[in-house]
Amino acid sequence: MAAAVVEVQSAKQLGELLERAKRSLVVIYFCASWSPQYTQMNEVTIELAKEHPQVTFVKLEAEALPEVSERYEISSVPTFLFIKNHEKIDRVDGAHAPDLTKKVQRYGETAKQDLNDHLRKLINSAPCILFMKGTPQDPRCGFSRQIVGIFSERNIRYSSFDILSDEDVRQGLKIYSNWPTYPQLYVNGELVGGLDIVKELAESGELDKICPKEMGLEHRLKVLINKARVVLFMKGSKEMAKCGFSRAIVGIMNETGIDYETFDILGDEQVRHGLKTYSNWPTYPQLYVKGELIGGLDIVKELKESGDLLSVLKGETNS
């Protein structure tokens, strides 16, 4: 997602890059330094990377990585592959700069819109959300550690997002917010700023006015389990479950067609540990209907097999 073209030296490096940038558009430039079009298409690719910072451009020597070239059915150079979510969506064979430019513009704009929609949901996912390096329990940079300390001193209630876990979000939010550094604080979907601004707000007393105070844990848990008729506490989200149990229960829930909300326990250590005690249920995921605990994956599977799951989710019967 940076403006520079990434030069890939191994299949492993390419795989890691595609994994990090799975939500964004990736254009892989298969080249050969001996090719007559090499210099021309290099310049074209560099310019496109500058014009489309939301697109990840990758360059690799086709002959140096024959296993990668074979996997993607590359028979000539230059060839440009368009990848999104690990899937090939298009390609340009040959040094056709106008065709390449049109496709980058078309697919890049779609990918940008998809990412912006995702970012908009993230910054509105909590009244006060901090995009930081690491987590409140384990900050991974001095600036993030300082801002967490300020929030802790003032008993500020906030959610967080670890930008180190998602390269698309890490790079995309800089463009979306027009703010080049982290951490970034959002309140009610609006950017407040970074560490320096938070320090100024704390010193003036304004931070206490714009950020909600932490409520008692028990009261907060009651609010969370009642935030929708059906609430699933899980690792990750509907779109990206972070464990097999959560992935399995999301699959079952999606089959029912019932609307439900989710809460990512990995983003809130207090809820993660507190809910176990509150519900007297030691594992995740946990499913609640009308504020009442239904159970975890095994219970949901049993309800599905018995034919009772839909009525339980509708609140027509007790589990």
C-alpha atoms as a PDB file:
ATOM      1  CA  MET A   1       0.000   0.000   0.000  1.00  0.00           C
ATOM      2  CA  ALA A   2       3.057   2.267  -0.081  1.00  0.00           C
ATOM      3  CA  ALA A   3       3.869   4.423  -3.088  1.00  0.00           C
ATOM      4  CA  ALA A   4       7.039   2.449  -3.811  1.00  0.00           C
ATOM      5  CA  VAL A   5       7.098  -0.734  -5.881  1.00  0.00           C
ATOM      6  CA  VAL A   6       7.987  -3.700  -3.674  1.00  0.00           C
ATOM      7  CA  GLU A   7      10.668  -5.970  -5.139  1.00  0.00           C
ATOM      8  CA  VAL A   8      10.013  -9.584  -4.156  1.00  0.00           C
ATOM      9  CA  GLN A   9      12.910 -12.038  -3.888  1.00  0.00           C
ATOM     10  CA  SER A  10      11.154 -15.243  -2.818  1.00  0.00           C
ATOM     11  CA  ALA A  11       7.850 -17.099  -2.936  1.00  0.00           C
ATOM     12  CA  LYS A  12       7.626 -16.822   0.854  1.00  0.00           C
ATOM     13  CA  GLN A  13       7.998 -13.049   0.735  1.00  0.00           C
ATOM     14  CA  LEU A  14       5.248 -12.822  -1.878  1.00  0.00           C
ATOM     15  CA  GLY A  15       2.937 -15.018   0.183  1.00  0.00           C
ATOM     16  CA  GLU A  16       3.449 -12.886   3.277  1.00  0.00           C
ATOM     17  CA  LEU A  17       2.807  -9.714   1.304  1.00  0.00           C
ATOM     18  CA  LEU A  18      -0.423 -11.080  -0.206  1.00  0.00           C
ATOM     19  CA  GLU A  19      -1.600 -12.143   3.250  1.00  0.00           C
ATOM     20  CA  ARG A  20      -0.989  -8.686   4.718  1.00  0.00           C
ATOM     21  CA  ALA A  21      -2.655  -6.900   1.804  1.00  0.00           C
ATOM     22  CA  LYS A  22      -5.542  -9.290   1.224  1.00  0.00           C
ATOM     23  CA  ARG A  23      -8.254  -6.604   1.313  1.00  0.00           C
ATOM     24  CA  SER A  24      -6.442  -4.261  -1.067  1.00  0.00           C
ATOM     25  CA  LEU A  25      -5.608  -4.626  -4.735  1.00  0.00           C
ATOM     26  CA  VAL A  26      -2.195  -6.132  -5.497  1.00  0.00           C
ATOM     27  CA  VAL A  27      -0.622  -5.791  -8.950  1.00  0.00           C
ATOM     28  CA  ILE A  28       2.239  -8.239  -9.556  1.00  0.00           C
ATOM     29  CA  TYR A  29       4.668  -7.208 -12.288  1.00  0.00           C
ATOM     30  CA  PHE A  30       6.453 -10.229 -13.743  1.00  0.00           C
ATOM     31  CA  CYS A  31       9.517  -8.894 -15.556  1.00  0.00           C
ATOM     32  CA  ALA A  32      12.911  -9.773 -16.987  1.00  0.00           C
ATOM     33  CA  SER A  33      15.807  -7.314 -16.975  1.00  0.00           C
ATOM     34  CA  TRP A  34      16.849  -8.415 -20.464  1.00  0.00           C
ATOM     35  CA  SER A  35      13.438  -7.580 -21.947  1.00  0.00           C
ATOM     36  CA  PRO A  36      13.389  -4.642 -24.422  1.00  0.00           C
ATOM     37  CA  GLN A  37      10.315  -3.233 -22.635  1.00  0.00           C
ATOM     38  CA  TYR A  38      11.874  -3.526 -19.167  1.00  0.00           C
ATOM     39  CA  THR A  39      12.873   0.132 -18.690  1.00  0.00           C
ATOM     40  CA  GLN A  40       9.640   1.498 -20.158  1.00  0.00           C
ATOM     41  CA  MET A  41       7.309  -0.668 -18.047  1.00  0.00           C
ATOM     42  CA  ASN A  42       9.404  -0.038 -14.941  1.00  0.00           C
ATOM     43  CA  GLU A  43       8.765   3.678 -15.330  1.00  0.00           C
ATOM     44  CA  VAL A  44       5.055   3.093 -15.988  1.00  0.00           C
ATOM     45  CA  THR A  45       4.731   0.900 -12.898  1.00  0.00           C
ATOM     46  CA  ILE A  46       6.528   3.420 -10.674  1.00  0.00           C
ATOM     47  CA  GLU A  47       4.269   6.238 -11.866  1.00  0.00           C
ATOM     48  CA  LEU A  48       1.127   4.147 -11.318  1.00  0.00           C
ATOM     49  CA  ALA A  49       2.312   3.319  -7.796  1.00  0.00           C
ATOM     50  CA  LYS A  50       2.688   7.042  -7.063  1.00  0.00           C
ATOM     51  CA  GLU A  51      -0.766   7.830  -8.482  1.00  0.00           C
ATOM     52  CA  HIS A  52      -2.505   4.947  -6.676  1.00  0.00           C
ATOM     53  CA  PRO A  53      -1.077   4.645  -3.142  1.00  0.00           C
ATOM     54  CA  GLN A  54      -4.007   2.433  -2.130  1.00  0.00           C
ATOM     55  CA  VAL A  55      -2.763  -0.245  -4.556  1.00  0.00           C
ATOM     56  CA  THR A  56       0.169  -2.529  -3.708  1.00  0.00           C
ATOM     57  CA  PHE A  57       2.578  -2.917  -6.644  1.00  0.00           C
ATOM     58  CA  VAL A  58       4.949  -5.883  -6.585  1.00  0.00           C
ATOM     59  CA  LYS A  59       7.823  -6.548  -8.978  1.00  0.00           C
ATOM     60  CA  LEU A  60       9.585  -9.849  -9.420  1.00  0.00           C
ATOM     61  CA  GLU A  61      11.943 -11.467 -11.911  1.00  0.00           C
ATOM     62  CA  ALA A  62       9.914 -14.206 -13.586  1.00  0.00           C
ATOM     63  CA  GLU A  63      12.912 -16.443 -14.323  1.00  0.00           C
ATOM     64  CA  ALA A  64      14.340 -16.053 -10.806  1.00  0.00           C
ATOM     65  CA  LEU A  65      11.145 -17.439  -9.260  1.00  0.00           C
ATOM     66  CA  PRO A  66      10.032 -20.180 -11.680  1.00  0.00           C
ATOM     67  CA  GLU A  67       7.681 -21.800  -9.152  1.00  0.00           C
ATOM     68  CA  VAL A  68       5.761 -18.543  -8.776  1.00  0.00           C
ATOM     69  CA  SER A  69       5.672 -17.963 -12.539  1.00  0.00           C
ATOM     70  CA  GLU A  70       4.384 -21.497 -13.087  1.00  0.00           C
ATOM     71  CA  ARG A  71       1.740 -21.173 -10.397  1.00  0.00           C
ATOM     72  CA  TYR A  72       0.351 -18.031 -12.039  1.00  0.00           C
ATOM     73  CA  GLU A  73       0.749 -19.378 -15.601  1.00  0.00           C
ATOM     74  CA  ILE A  74       3.249 -16.750 -16.738  1.00  0.00           C
ATOM     75  CA  SER A  75       4.530 -17.605 -20.212  1.00  0.00           C
ATOM     76  CA  SER A  76       5.953 -14.232 -21.291  1.00  0.00           C
ATOM     77  CA  VAL A  77       7.194 -10.948 -19.876  1.00  0.00           C
ATOM     78  CA  PRO A  78       6.101  -8.403 -19.019  1.00  0.00           C
ATOM     79  CA  THR A  79       2.899  -9.721 -17.485  1.00  0.00           C
ATOM     80  CA  PHE A  80       0.811  -7.958 -14.850  1.00  0.00           C
ATOM     81  CA  LEU A  81      -1.488  -9.901 -12.527  1.00  0.00           C
ATOM     82  CA  PHE A  82      -4.285  -8.293 -10.528  1.00  0.00           C
ATOM     83  CA  ILE A  83      -4.864 -10.022  -7.166  1.00  0.00           C
ATOM     84  CA  LYS A  84      -7.451  -9.392  -4.459  1.00  0.00           C
ATOM     85  CA  ASN A  85      -8.191 -11.656  -1.487  1.00  0.00           C
ATOM     86  CA  HIS A  86      -5.641 -14.134  -2.902  1.00  0.00           C
ATOM     87  CA  GLU A  87      -7.741 -14.470  -6.078  1.00  0.00           C
ATOM     88  CA  LYS A  88      -6.667 -13.547  -9.625  1.00  0.00           C
ATOM     89  CA  ILE A  89      -9.185 -11.039 -10.978  1.00  0.00           C
ATOM     90  CA  ASP A  90      -7.468  -9.944 -14.201  1.00  0.00           C
ATOM     91  CA  ARG A  91      -4.177  -9.717 -16.063  1.00  0.00           C
ATOM     92  CA  VAL A  92      -2.353  -7.747 -18.744  1.00  0.00           C
ATOM     93  CA  ASP A  93       0.038  -9.683 -20.995  1.00  0.00           C
ATOM     94  CA  GLY A  94       2.649  -7.568 -22.732  1.00  0.00           C
ATOM     95  CA  ALA A  95       3.836  -3.975 -22.563  1.00  0.00           C
ATOM     96  CA  HIS A  96       0.403  -2.385 -22.979  1.00  0.00           C
ATOM     97  CA  ALA A  97       0.672   0.699 -20.794  1.00  0.00           C
ATOM     98  CA  PRO A  98      -2.769   2.199 -21.664  1.00  0.00           C
ATOM     99  CA  ASP A  99      -4.546  -1.082 -20.892  1.00  0.00           C
ATOM    100  CA  LEU A 100      -2.596  -1.484 -17.668  1.00  0.00           C
ATOM    101  CA  THR A 101      -3.407   2.072 -16.590  1.00  0.00           C
ATOM    102  CA  LYS A 102      -7.156   1.660 -17.243  1.00  0.00           C
ATOM    103  CA  LYS A 103      -7.338  -1.562 -15.261  1.00  0.00           C
ATOM    104  CA  VAL A 104      -5.369  -0.155 -12.339  1.00  0.00           C
ATOM    105  CA  GLN A 105      -7.741   2.820 -12.242  1.00  0.00           C
ATOM    106  CA  ARG A 106     -10.849   0.633 -12.426  1.00  0.00           C
ATOM    107  CA  TYR A 107      -9.885  -2.052  -9.916  1.00  0.00           C
ATOM    108  CA  GLY A 108      -8.001   0.375  -7.709  1.00  0.00           C
ATOM    109  CA  GLU A 109     -11.047   2.578  -7.262  1.00  0.00           C
ATOM    110  CA  THR A 110     -13.189  -0.430  -6.311  1.00  0.00           C
ATOM    111  CA  ALA A 111     -10.583  -1.652  -3.819  1.00  0.00           C
ATOM    112  CA  LYS A 112     -10.278   1.853  -2.372  1.00  0.00           C
ATOM    113  CA  GLN A 113     -14.034   2.054  -1.840  1.00  0.00           C
ATOM    114  CA  ASP A 114     -14.099  -1.386  -0.195  1.00  0.00           C
ATOM    115  CA  LEU A 115     -11.279  -0.409   2.158  1.00  0.00           C
ATOM    116  CA  ASN A 116     -12.856   2.950   2.979  1.00  0.00           C
ATOM    117  CA  ASP A 117     -16.122   1.205   3.858  1.00  0.00           C
ATOM    118  CA  HIS A 118     -14.181  -1.115   6.178  1.00  0.00           C
ATOM    119  CA  LEU A 119     -12.335   1.816   7.784  1.00  0.00           C
ATOM    120  CA  ARG A 120     -15.593   3.718   8.272  1.00  0.00           C
ATOM    121  CA  LYS A 121     -17.074   0.748  10.118  1.00  0.00           C
ATOM    122  CA  LEU A 122     -13.971   0.430  12.290  1.00  0.00           C
ATOM    123  CA  ILE A 123     -13.824   4.071  13.395  1.00  0.00           C
ATOM    124  CA  ASN A 124     -17.540   3.939  14.212  1.00  0.00           C
ATOM    125  CA  SER A 125     -17.352   0.587  16.013  1.00  0.00           C
ATOM    126  CA  ALA A 126     -17.031   2.276  19.431  1.00  0.00           C
ATOM    127  CA  PRO A 127     -17.704   5.797  20.797  1.00  0.00           C
ATOM    128  CA  CYS A 128     -13.993   6.163  21.523  1.00  0.00           C
ATOM    129  CA  ILE A 129     -11.478   4.052  19.585  1.00  0.00           C
ATOM    130  CA  LEU A 130      -7.697   4.220  19.505  1.00  0.00           C
ATOM    131  CA  PHE A 131      -5.704   2.927  16.526  1.00  0.00           C
ATOM    132  CA  MET A 132      -2.336   2.030  17.994  1.00  0.00           C
ATOM    133  CA  LYS A 133       0.680  -0.253  17.731  1.00  0.00           C
ATOM    134  CA  GLY A 134      -0.049  -3.235  19.936  1.00  0.00           C
ATOM    135  CA  THR A 135      -2.770  -3.420  22.568  1.00  0.00           C
ATOM    136  CA  PRO A 136      -3.473  -1.462  25.777  1.00  0.00           C
ATOM    137  CA  GLN A 137      -2.005  -4.409  27.691  1.00  0.00           C
ATOM    138  CA  ASP A 138       1.071  -4.616  25.428  1.00  0.00           C
ATOM    139  CA  PRO A 139       1.805  -1.316  23.619  1.00  0.00           C
ATOM    140  CA  ARG A 140       4.413  -1.783  20.914  1.00  0.00           C
ATOM    141  CA  CYS A 141       5.756   1.767  20.699  1.00  0.00           C
ATOM    142  CA  GLY A 142       6.466   4.641  23.082  1.00  0.00           C
ATOM    143  CA  PHE A 143       3.756   6.924  21.676  1.00  0.00           C
ATOM    144  CA  SER A 144       1.066   4.256  22.040  1.00  0.00           C
ATOM    145  CA  ARG A 145       2.294   3.489  25.571  1.00  0.00           C
ATOM    146  CA  GLN A 146       2.029   7.163  26.542  1.00  0.00           C
ATOM    147  CA  ILE A 147      -1.488   7.604  25.244  1.00  0.00           C
ATOM    148  CA  VAL A 148      -2.645   4.400  26.983  1.00  0.00           C
ATOM    149  CA  GLY A 149      -1.156   5.782  30.199  1.00  0.00           C
ATOM    150  CA  ILE A 150      -3.089   9.049  29.801  1.00  0.00           C
ATOM    151  CA  PHE A 151      -6.353   7.139  29.287  1.00  0.00           C
ATOM    152  CA  SER A 152      -5.648   4.911  32.277  1.00  0.00           C
ATOM    153  CA  GLU A 153      -4.942   7.882  34.554  1.00  0.00           C
ATOM    154  CA  ARG A 154      -8.249   9.501  33.593  1.00  0.00           C
ATOM    155  CA  ASN A 155     -10.307   6.297  33.591  1.00  0.00           C
ATOM    156  CA  ILE A 156     -11.227   6.813  29.909  1.00  0.00           C
ATOM    157  CA  ARG A 157     -13.370   4.086  28.358  1.00  0.00           C
ATOM    158  CA  TYR A 158     -12.135   3.177  24.884  1.00  0.00           C
ATOM    159  CA  SER A 159     -11.676   0.375  22.396  1.00  0.00           C
ATOM    160  CA  SER A 160      -8.483  -0.192  20.445  1.00  0.00           C
ATOM    161  CA  PHE A 161      -7.283  -1.593  17.141  1.00  0.00           C
ATOM    162  CA  ASP A 162      -3.780  -2.991  16.655  1.00  0.00           C
ATOM    163  CA  ILE A 163      -2.588  -1.604  13.315  1.00  0.00           C
ATOM    164  CA  LEU A 164       0.341  -4.035  13.345  1.00  0.00           C
ATOM    165  CA  SER A 165      -2.173  -6.850  12.802  1.00  0.00           C
ATOM    166  CA  ASP A 166      -3.591  -5.428   9.566  1.00  0.00           C
ATOM    167  CA  GLU A 167      -1.387  -3.752   6.943  1.00  0.00           C
ATOM    168  CA  ASP A 168      -4.381  -2.613   4.875  1.00  0.00           C
ATOM    169  CA  VAL A 169      -5.794  -0.696   7.834  1.00  0.00           C
ATOM    170  CA  ARG A 170      -2.363   0.561   8.885  1.00  0.00           C
ATOM    171  CA  GLN A 171      -1.647   2.179   5.525  1.00  0.00           C
ATOM    172  CA  GLY A 172      -5.194   2.908   4.432  1.00  0.00           C
ATOM    173  CA  LEU A 173      -6.191   4.883   7.521  1.00  0.00           C
ATOM    174  CA  LYS A 174      -3.306   7.296   6.952  1.00  0.00           C
ATOM    175  CA  ILE A 175      -4.834   8.226   3.587  1.00  0.00           C
ATOM    176  CA  TYR A 176      -8.448   8.079   4.775  1.00  0.00           C
ATOM    177  CA  SER A 177      -7.803  10.420   7.702  1.00  0.00           C
ATOM    178  CA  ASN A 178      -5.016  12.452   6.082  1.00  0.00           C
ATOM    179  CA  TRP A 179      -3.007  11.810   9.235  1.00  0.00           C
ATOM    180  CA  PRO A 180       0.393  10.189   8.614  1.00  0.00           C
ATOM    181  CA  THR A 181       1.284   8.764  12.032  1.00  0.00           C
ATOM    182  CA  TYR A 182       0.031   6.584  14.868  1.00  0.00           C
ATOM    183  CA  PRO A 183      -1.584   6.432  17.356  1.00  0.00           C
ATOM    184  CA  GLN A 184      -4.837   7.983  16.096  1.00  0.00           C
ATOM    185  CA  LEU A 185      -7.823   8.672  18.362  1.00  0.00           C
ATOM    186  CA  TYR A 186     -11.406   8.804  17.063  1.00  0.00           C
ATOM    187  CA  VAL A 187     -14.450   9.905  19.041  1.00  0.00           C
ATOM    188  CA  ASN A 188     -17.916   9.340  17.606  1.00  0.00           C
ATOM    189  CA  GLY A 189     -16.395   8.552  14.216  1.00  0.00           C
ATOM    190  CA  GLU A 190     -14.357  11.772  14.025  1.00  0.00           C
ATOM    191  CA  LEU A 191     -10.568  12.022  14.140  1.00  0.00           C
ATOM    192  CA  VAL A 192      -9.337  13.807  17.268  1.00  0.00           C
ATOM    193  CA  GLY A 193      -5.623  13.426  16.558  1.00  0.00           C
ATOM    194  CA  GLY A 194      -2.472  11.787  17.849  1.00  0.00           C
ATOM    195  CA  LEU A 195      -0.441  11.855  21.050  1.00  0.00           C
ATOM    196  CA  ASP A 196       0.411  15.582  21.033  1.00  0.00           C
ATOM    197  CA  ILE A 197      -3.229  16.613  20.627  1.00  0.00           C
ATOM    198  CA  VAL A 198      -4.373  14.121  23.282  1.00  0.00           C
ATOM    199  CA  LYS A 199      -1.764  15.570  25.671  1.00  0.00           C
ATOM    200  CA  GLU A 200      -3.045  19.099  25.005  1.00  0.00           C
ATOM    201  CA  LEU A 201      -6.654  18.010  25.564  1.00  0.00           C
ATOM    202  CA  ALA A 202      -5.701  16.238  28.792  1.00  0.00           C
ATOM    203  CA  GLU A 203      -3.865  19.308  30.118  1.00  0.00           C
ATOM    204  CA  SER A 204      -6.788  21.611  29.269  1.00  0.00           C
ATOM    205  CA  GLY A 205      -9.384  19.253  30.728  1.00  0.00           C
ATOM    206  CA  GLU A 206     -11.150  18.844  27.375  1.00  0.00           C
ATOM    207  CA  LEU A 207     -10.280  15.146  27.080  1.00  0.00           C
ATOM    208  CA  ASP A 208     -12.564  14.293  30.000  1.00  0.00           C
ATOM    209  CA  LYS A 209     -15.408  16.122  28.266  1.00  0.00           C
ATOM    210  CA  ILE A 210     -15.156  14.445  24.849  1.00  0.00           C
ATOM    211  CA  CYS A 211     -14.238  10.887  25.917  1.00  0.00           C
ATOM    212  CA  PRO A 212     -16.601   8.663  27.902  1.00  0.00           C
ATOM    213  CA  LYS A 213     -15.573   7.558  31.370  1.00  0.00           C
ATOM    214  CA  GLU A 214     -15.127   3.890  32.144  1.00  0.00           C
ATOM    215  CA  MET A 215     -18.254   2.475  33.772  1.00  0.00           C
ATOM    216  CA  GLY A 216     -18.154  -0.344  36.279  1.00  0.00           C
ATOM    217  CA  LEU A 217     -17.281  -3.662  34.644  1.00  0.00           C
ATOM    218  CA  GLU A 218     -20.491  -5.419  35.629  1.00  0.00           C
ATOM    219  CA  HIS A 219     -22.623  -2.577  34.311  1.00  0.00           C
ATOM    220  CA  ARG A 220     -20.584  -2.463  31.119  1.00  0.00           C
ATOM    221  CA  LEU A 221     -21.009  -6.210  30.547  1.00  0.00           C
ATOM    222  CA  LYS A 222     -24.775  -5.881  30.999  1.00  0.00           C
ATOM    223  CA  VAL A 223     -24.827  -3.102  28.416  1.00  0.00           C
ATOM    224  CA  LEU A 224     -22.771  -5.176  25.966  1.00  0.00           C
ATOM    225  CA  ILE A 225     -24.819  -8.387  26.194  1.00  0.00           C
ATOM    226  CA  ASN A 226     -27.977  -6.326  25.693  1.00  0.00           C
ATOM    227  CA  LYS A 227     -26.715  -4.137  22.860  1.00  0.00           C
ATOM    228  CA  ALA A 228     -28.687  -6.273  20.381  1.00  0.00           C
ATOM    229  CA  ARG A 229     -31.218  -9.093  20.608  1.00  0.00           C
ATOM    230  CA  VAL A 230     -28.510 -11.578  19.600  1.00  0.00           C
ATOM    231  CA  VAL A 231     -24.892 -10.907  20.547  1.00  0.00           C
ATOM    232  CA  LEU A 232     -21.907 -13.176  19.923  1.00  0.00           C
ATOM    233  CA  PHE A 233     -18.716 -12.659  21.915  1.00  0.00           C
ATOM    234  CA  MET A 234     -15.923 -14.146  19.815  1.00  0.00           C
ATOM    235  CA  LYS A 235     -12.307 -13.921  18.724  1.00  0.00           C
ATOM    236  CA  GLY A 236     -12.285 -11.634  15.688  1.00  0.00           C
ATOM    237  CA  SER A 237     -15.341 -10.563  13.715  1.00  0.00           C
ATOM    238  CA  LYS A 238     -17.952 -12.024  11.359  1.00  0.00           C
ATOM    239  CA  GLU A 239     -15.716 -11.108   8.452  1.00  0.00           C
ATOM    240  CA  MET A 240     -12.473 -12.354   9.996  1.00  0.00           C
ATOM    241  CA  ALA A 241     -12.799 -14.921  12.774  1.00  0.00           C
ATOM    242  CA  LYS A 242      -9.514 -15.411  14.664  1.00  0.00           C
ATOM    243  CA  CYS A 243     -10.022 -19.002  15.876  1.00  0.00           C
ATOM    244  CA  GLY A 244     -11.614 -22.214  14.616  1.00  0.00           C
ATOM    245  CA  PHE A 245     -14.411 -22.235  17.213  1.00  0.00           C
ATOM    246  CA  SER A 246     -15.416 -18.661  16.366  1.00  0.00           C
ATOM    247  CA  ARG A 247     -15.248 -19.431  12.645  1.00  0.00           C
ATOM    248  CA  ALA A 248     -17.470 -22.467  13.102  1.00  0.00           C
ATOM    249  CA  ILE A 249     -20.140 -20.664  15.134  1.00  0.00           C
ATOM    250  CA  VAL A 250     -20.212 -17.738  12.693  1.00  0.00           C
ATOM    251  CA  GLY A 251     -20.855 -20.227   9.888  1.00  0.00           C
ATOM    252  CA  ILE A 252     -23.801 -21.720  11.789  1.00  0.00           C
ATOM    253  CA  MET A 253     -25.195 -18.292  12.700  1.00  0.00           C
ATOM    254  CA  ASN A 254     -24.962 -17.051   9.125  1.00  0.00           C
ATOM    255  CA  GLU A 255     -26.926 -20.070   7.912  1.00  0.00           C
ATOM    256  CA  THR A 256     -29.879 -19.086  10.129  1.00  0.00           C
ATOM    257  CA  GLY A 257     -30.347 -15.707   8.450  1.00  0.00           C
ATOM    258  CA  ILE A 258     -30.873 -14.109  11.877  1.00  0.00           C
ATOM    259  CA  ASP A 259     -29.318 -10.674  12.437  1.00  0.00           C
ATOM    260  CA  TYR A 260     -26.736 -10.633  15.186  1.00  0.00           C
ATOM    261  CA  GLU A 261     -24.007  -8.390  16.565  1.00  0.00           C
ATOM    262  CA  THR A 262     -20.494  -9.493  17.492  1.00  0.00           C
ATOM    263  CA  PHE A 263     -17.908  -8.315  19.999  1.00  0.00           C
ATOM    264  CA  ASP A 264     -14.221  -9.041  19.486  1.00  0.00           C
ATOM    265  CA  ILE A 265     -12.850 -10.087  22.880  1.00  0.00           C
ATOM    266  CA  LEU A 266      -9.269  -9.873  21.547  1.00  0.00           C
ATOM    267  CA  GLY A 267      -9.621  -6.087  21.451  1.00  0.00           C
ATOM    268  CA  ASP A 268     -10.699  -5.740  25.084  1.00  0.00           C
ATOM    269  CA  GLU A 269      -8.868  -7.711  27.738  1.00  0.00           C
ATOM    270  CA  GLN A 270     -11.168  -6.469  30.496  1.00  0.00           C
ATOM    271  CA  VAL A 271     -14.250  -7.854  28.780  1.00  0.00           C
ATOM    272  CA  ARG A 272     -12.435 -11.020  27.750  1.00  0.00           C
ATOM    273  CA  HIS A 273     -11.677 -11.972  31.349  1.00  0.00           C
ATOM    274  CA  GLY A 274     -14.619 -10.289  33.053  1.00  0.00           C
ATOM    275  CA  LEU A 275     -17.308 -11.999  30.990  1.00  0.00           C
ATOM    276  CA  LYS A 276     -15.992 -15.436  31.942  1.00  0.00           C
ATOM    277  CA  THR A 277     -16.666 -14.656  35.593  1.00  0.00           C
ATOM    278  CA  TYR A 278     -19.910 -12.769  34.952  1.00  0.00           C
ATOM    279  CA  SER A 279     -21.411 -15.625  32.912  1.00  0.00           C
ATOM    280  CA  ASN A 280     -19.649 -18.434  34.774  1.00  0.00           C
ATOM    281  CA  TRP A 281     -18.651 -19.736  31.341  1.00  0.00           C
ATOM    282  CA  PRO A 282     -14.877 -20.215  30.921  1.00  0.00           C
ATOM    283  CA  THR A 283     -14.456 -20.281  27.130  1.00  0.00           C
ATOM    284  CA  TYR A 284     -15.267 -18.410  23.930  1.00  0.00           C
ATOM    285  CA  PRO A 285     -17.280 -17.939  21.809  1.00  0.00           C
ATOM    286  CA  GLN A 286     -20.324 -17.091  23.960  1.00  0.00           C
ATOM    287  CA  LEU A 287     -23.783 -16.468  22.480  1.00  0.00           C
ATOM    288  CA  TYR A 288     -26.406 -14.295  24.191  1.00  0.00           C
ATOM    289  CA  VAL A 289     -30.071 -13.817  23.270  1.00  0.00           C
ATOM    290  CA  LYS A 290     -32.057 -11.046  24.971  1.00  0.00           C
ATOM    291  CA  GLY A 291     -29.266 -10.686  27.512  1.00  0.00           C
ATOM    292  CA  GLU A 292     -29.282 -14.348  28.482  1.00  0.00           C
ATOM    293  CA  LEU A 293     -26.372 -16.726  27.907  1.00  0.00           C
ATOM    294  CA  ILE A 294     -27.196 -19.539  25.467  1.00  0.00           C
ATOM    295  CA  GLY A 295     -23.753 -21.136  25.490  1.00  0.00           C
ATOM    296  CA  GLY A 296     -20.777 -21.822  23.271  1.00  0.00           C
ATOM    297  CA  LEU A 297     -20.123 -23.711  20.060  1.00  0.00           C
ATOM    298  CA  ASP A 298     -21.128 -27.145  21.375  1.00  0.00           C
ATOM    299  CA  ILE A 299     -24.494 -25.868  22.662  1.00  0.00           C
ATOM    300  CA  VAL A 300     -25.182 -24.054  19.400  1.00  0.00           C
ATOM    301  CA  LYS A 301     -24.340 -27.224  17.445  1.00  0.00           C
ATOM    302  CA  GLU A 302     -26.749 -29.231  19.614  1.00  0.00           C
ATOM    303  CA  LEU A 303     -29.501 -26.680  19.111  1.00  0.00           C
ATOM    304  CA  LYS A 304     -28.932 -26.772  15.360  1.00  0.00           C
ATOM    305  CA  GLU A 305     -29.072 -30.577  15.265  1.00  0.00           C
ATOM    306  CA  SER A 306     -32.256 -30.660  17.373  1.00  0.00           C
ATOM    307  CA  GLY A 307     -33.941 -28.027  15.205  1.00  0.00           C
ATOM    308  CA  ASP A 308     -34.331 -25.616  18.136  1.00  0.00           C
ATOM    309  CA  LEU A 309     -31.670 -23.042  17.177  1.00  0.00           C
ATOM    310  CA  LEU A 310     -33.913 -20.740  15.142  1.00  0.00           C
ATOM    311  CA  SER A 311     -36.598 -20.513  17.831  1.00  0.00           C
ATOM    312  CA  VAL A 312     -33.943 -19.855  20.512  1.00  0.00           C
ATOM    313  CA  LEU A 313     -32.391 -17.071  18.418  1.00  0.00           C
ATOM    314  CA  LYS A 314     -35.827 -15.540  17.910  1.00  0.00           C
ATOM    315  CA  GLY A 315     -36.347 -15.645  21.672  1.00  0.00           C
ATOM    316  CA  GLU A 316     -39.358 -17.914  21.368  1.00  0.00           C
ATOM    317  CA  THR A 317     -38.017 -20.525  23.773  1.00  0.00           C
ATOM    318  CA  ASN A 318     -35.286 -20.980  26.339  1.00  0.00           C
ATOM    319  CA  SER A 319     -32.241 -23.162  25.718  1.00  0.00           C
END
